[in-house]
Protein backbone atom coordinates (compact mmCIF):
# COMPACT_ATOMS: atom_id res chain seq x y z
CA UNK A 1 31.18 -28.01 -77.71
CA UNK A 2 30.82 -25.02 -75.17
CA UNK A 3 33.32 -22.08 -75.64
CA UNK A 4 35.19 -23.17 -72.27
CA UNK A 5 34.94 -26.60 -71.09
CA UNK A 6 33.06 -26.89 -67.72
CA UNK A 7 35.22 -28.49 -64.75
CA UNK A 8 34.18 -31.42 -62.59
CA UNK A 9 31.96 -30.82 -59.66
CA UNK A 10 35.13 -31.48 -57.65
CA UNK A 11 37.14 -29.01 -58.55
CA UNK A 12 36.75 -26.71 -56.28
CA UNK A 13 34.96 -27.96 -52.73
CA UNK A 14 33.95 -24.36 -51.82
CA UNK A 15 31.89 -24.12 -54.93
CA UNK A 16 30.46 -27.68 -54.54
CA UNK A 17 29.24 -26.92 -51.06
CA UNK A 18 27.47 -23.65 -52.46
CA UNK A 19 26.21 -25.45 -55.47
CA UNK A 20 24.20 -27.69 -53.34
CA UNK A 21 21.55 -24.70 -53.59
CA UNK A 22 21.00 -26.12 -57.03
CA UNK A 23 20.12 -29.26 -56.27
CA UNK A 24 16.85 -27.81 -54.61
CA UNK A 25 16.21 -25.11 -57.84
CA UNK A 26 17.08 -27.47 -60.58
CA UNK A 27 18.04 -30.95 -59.40
CA UNK A 28 21.54 -30.88 -60.74
CA UNK A 29 24.91 -28.17 -60.57
CA UNK A 30 24.43 -26.21 -63.95
CA UNK A 31 27.38 -26.49 -66.26
CA UNK A 32 27.49 -22.73 -66.23
CA UNK A 33 28.79 -22.85 -62.33
CA UNK A 34 30.94 -25.47 -63.53
CA UNK A 35 32.39 -23.47 -66.14
CA UNK A 36 32.53 -20.18 -63.72
CA UNK A 37 34.76 -22.28 -61.27
CA UNK A 38 37.92 -21.85 -63.45
CA UNK A 39 37.83 -18.44 -61.12
CA UNK A 40 36.41 -20.04 -58.19
CA UNK A 41 35.91 -16.09 -57.11
CA UNK A 42 33.52 -15.79 -59.67
CA UNK A 43 31.80 -19.15 -59.02
CA UNK A 44 31.10 -18.48 -55.31
CA UNK A 45 30.33 -14.86 -56.03
CA UNK A 46 27.42 -15.81 -58.32
CA UNK A 47 26.21 -18.65 -56.27
CA UNK A 48 25.79 -16.22 -53.15
CA UNK A 49 24.17 -13.58 -55.48
CA UNK A 50 21.73 -16.15 -56.72
CA UNK A 51 20.81 -17.43 -53.19
CA UNK A 52 19.99 -13.70 -52.25
CA UNK A 53 18.41 -12.68 -54.96
CA UNK A 54 16.08 -15.94 -54.83
CA UNK A 55 15.38 -15.74 -50.93
CA UNK A 56 11.77 -14.48 -50.70
CA UNK A 57 11.13 -11.54 -48.20
CA UNK A 58 7.89 -10.35 -49.20
CA UNK A 59 5.05 -11.82 -51.53
CA UNK A 60 7.09 -12.57 -54.60
CA UNK A 61 7.00 -16.27 -54.74
CA UNK A 62 9.74 -18.64 -55.64
CA UNK A 63 7.42 -19.99 -58.74
CA UNK A 64 6.50 -16.24 -59.67
CA UNK A 65 10.57 -15.48 -59.62
CA UNK A 66 11.21 -18.15 -61.73
CA UNK A 67 8.60 -16.93 -64.19
CA UNK A 68 10.24 -13.51 -64.04
CA UNK A 69 13.24 -15.06 -65.00
CA UNK A 70 11.67 -17.00 -68.02
CA UNK A 71 10.43 -13.77 -69.44
CA UNK A 72 13.63 -12.31 -69.22
CA UNK A 73 15.17 -14.89 -70.62
CA UNK A 74 12.77 -15.18 -73.53
CA UNK A 75 13.09 -11.39 -74.19
CA UNK A 76 17.21 -11.91 -74.54
CA UNK A 77 16.99 -15.39 -76.83
CA UNK A 78 18.98 -17.63 -74.19
CA UNK A 79 17.67 -20.88 -74.73
CA UNK A 80 19.55 -22.40 -71.65
CA UNK A 81 18.08 -19.72 -69.22
CA UNK A 82 14.61 -20.29 -70.85
CA UNK A 83 14.92 -24.19 -69.98
CA UNK A 84 16.33 -23.48 -66.43
CA UNK A 85 13.67 -20.86 -65.11
CA UNK A 86 10.78 -22.88 -66.79
CA UNK A 87 12.31 -26.16 -64.77
CA UNK A 88 12.79 -24.05 -61.55
CA UNK A 89 9.28 -22.58 -61.91
CA UNK A 90 7.91 -25.98 -62.12
CA UNK A 91 9.83 -27.28 -59.16
CA UNK A 92 8.93 -24.53 -57.10
CA UNK A 93 5.21 -24.88 -57.46
CA UNK A 94 4.02 -22.66 -60.62
CA UNK A 95 0.57 -23.75 -61.43
CA UNK A 96 0.32 -26.38 -64.13
CA UNK A 97 -1.95 -23.81 -65.97
CA UNK A 98 0.76 -21.27 -65.88
CA UNK A 99 3.63 -23.40 -66.85
CA UNK A 100 1.31 -24.64 -69.63
CA UNK A 101 0.47 -21.00 -70.84
CA UNK A 102 3.68 -18.87 -69.85
CA UNK A 103 3.78 -17.72 -73.47
CA UNK A 104 0.25 -16.35 -73.16
CA UNK A 105 0.74 -14.29 -69.62
CA UNK A 106 -0.60 -11.20 -70.88
CA UNK A 107 -4.07 -12.74 -71.55
CA UNK A 108 -4.55 -16.01 -69.97
CA UNK A 109 -6.70 -16.38 -67.04
CA UNK A 110 -4.22 -18.42 -64.90
CA UNK A 111 -2.27 -15.24 -64.56
CA UNK A 112 -3.80 -12.31 -62.46
CA UNK A 113 -3.00 -8.75 -62.57
CA UNK A 114 -0.08 -8.47 -60.20
CA UNK A 115 1.53 -11.20 -61.87
CA UNK A 116 0.99 -9.78 -65.11
CA UNK A 117 2.47 -6.40 -63.85
CA UNK A 118 5.49 -8.32 -62.68
CA UNK A 119 6.13 -10.04 -65.89
CA UNK A 120 5.62 -7.07 -67.86
CA UNK A 121 8.09 -5.23 -66.02
CA UNK A 122 10.59 -8.29 -66.62
CA UNK A 123 9.94 -8.01 -70.51
CA UNK A 124 10.71 -4.18 -70.28
CA UNK A 125 13.67 -4.27 -68.26
CA UNK A 126 15.14 -7.01 -70.23
CA UNK A 127 15.01 -4.99 -73.63
CA UNK A 128 17.79 -3.08 -75.09
CA UNK A 129 16.85 -0.24 -75.00
CA UNK A 130 15.53 -0.46 -71.44
CA UNK A 131 11.56 -0.13 -71.97
CA UNK A 132 10.67 0.52 -68.31
CA UNK A 133 8.35 3.57 -68.14
CA UNK A 134 5.67 5.43 -66.15
CA UNK A 135 3.17 3.18 -67.21
CA UNK A 136 4.83 0.18 -66.02
CA UNK A 137 5.74 1.79 -62.76
CA UNK A 138 2.24 2.68 -61.94
CA UNK A 139 1.20 -0.79 -62.45
CA UNK A 140 3.63 -2.29 -60.23
CA UNK A 141 2.87 0.12 -57.31
CA UNK A 142 -0.34 -1.01 -57.67
CA UNK A 143 0.30 -4.65 -56.76
CA UNK A 144 3.74 -4.54 -54.95
CA UNK A 145 5.79 -2.56 -52.53
CA UNK A 146 9.47 -1.23 -53.21
CA UNK A 147 10.95 -4.14 -51.27
CA UNK A 148 9.22 -6.59 -53.66
CA UNK A 149 10.10 -4.53 -56.71
CA UNK A 150 13.78 -4.66 -55.62
CA UNK A 151 13.44 -8.28 -55.42
CA UNK A 152 11.99 -8.59 -58.74
CA UNK A 153 14.59 -6.34 -60.57
CA UNK A 154 17.30 -8.56 -58.61
CA UNK A 155 16.00 -11.68 -60.46
CA UNK A 156 15.81 -9.65 -63.87
CA UNK A 157 19.52 -8.26 -63.33
CA UNK A 158 20.76 -12.00 -62.46
CA UNK A 159 19.23 -13.22 -65.46
CA UNK A 160 20.76 -10.41 -67.59
CA UNK A 161 24.17 -12.09 -66.41
CA UNK A 162 23.19 -15.57 -66.90
CA UNK A 163 21.71 -14.73 -70.65
CA UNK A 164 24.94 -13.39 -71.82
CA UNK A 165 27.23 -15.60 -69.74
CA UNK A 166 25.40 -18.78 -71.19
CA UNK A 167 24.71 -17.40 -74.75
CA UNK A 168 28.18 -16.08 -75.16
CA UNK A 169 29.49 -19.38 -73.35
CA UNK A 170 27.39 -21.58 -75.80
CA UNK A 171 26.62 -23.67 -72.41
CA UNK A 172 25.91 -27.57 -73.04
CA UNK A 173 22.55 -27.89 -71.71
CA UNK A 174 21.71 -30.44 -69.20
CA UNK A 175 18.98 -33.30 -69.84
CA UNK A 176 16.60 -32.35 -66.65
CA UNK A 177 16.42 -28.50 -68.30
CA UNK A 178 15.75 -30.10 -71.83
CA UNK A 179 13.06 -32.44 -70.43
CA UNK A 180 11.15 -29.33 -68.90
CA UNK A 181 11.90 -27.17 -71.96
CA UNK A 182 10.33 -29.56 -74.42
CA UNK A 183 7.28 -30.18 -72.09
CA UNK A 184 6.26 -26.71 -71.27
CA UNK A 185 8.16 -24.58 -74.33
CA UNK A 186 8.44 -27.19 -77.20
CA UNK A 187 4.99 -26.19 -78.41
CA UNK A 188 6.11 -22.51 -79.01
CA UNK A 189 9.47 -23.94 -80.96
CA UNK A 190 11.84 -24.32 -77.90
CA UNK A 191 15.19 -25.97 -79.17
CA UNK A 192 18.53 -26.55 -77.73
CA UNK A 193 20.26 -24.34 -80.33
CA UNK A 194 24.07 -23.55 -79.80
CA UNK A 195 23.34 -25.29 -76.46
CA UNK A 196 23.14 -28.86 -77.59
CA UNK A 197 26.97 -29.36 -77.37
CA UNK A 198 27.88 -29.35 -81.16
CA UNK A 199 26.87 -26.25 -83.03
CA UNK A 200 29.63 -23.99 -81.24
C-alpha cells in the first residue's frame, strides 16, 4: 500500500487532459501523477515540466533521454522509475540490443561514445555527493553542444524529483511497467520492492 492513495483519473479534468501525454510515453497514466493530483497545481506543473524536458530540440533522442533516466534511477535505486524509464525507452525505439544490455552500457558495442558520455554524465550527476567533474565535462563537449547538455540535465533533474517522490511514496507499480522491467531488467535482479502494493 502506497503512503498516499492515488485518486481516480477523473478527479481533476485538467490533469487528466495533460496526462494524455503519458499514454504515448508509457501506455497509461502513472500512479505517481494520480497521487500528485491531490494538489492539482503540483500534478499540472509536473506534467508540463515533464513535457518540456522530454521535448527534443537537438540530437538527444527520445530513446536516449529515457536511457539517461534509467541510469539516474538505477543510481538512486528507485525500482518504480527504473521500470518506467526502460518501458519508455522501449516505446521510443531504443535498439533491442541496447535495451537488453543497458547494464553494460560502458563496454557493450551497442552503445557509441556519445551515448556513453551522456549516460556517464547521468550516473555522475545522480550520485550523492555529485560526481560531475572536469573529465565528464570534457567528454560531453566532445559529442554534445550546450543546449543538448541542458536537455540531458533536465532529464536527470526530473528523475531526481521522481526517484524521491516514488520511493518515499512507495507508489504502486503498474502492470505495463512490470512487464518491461521483467523483460529487460529482471535478469539483473530487478524486483518491485516497496512498489508491489503490500510492503509499505
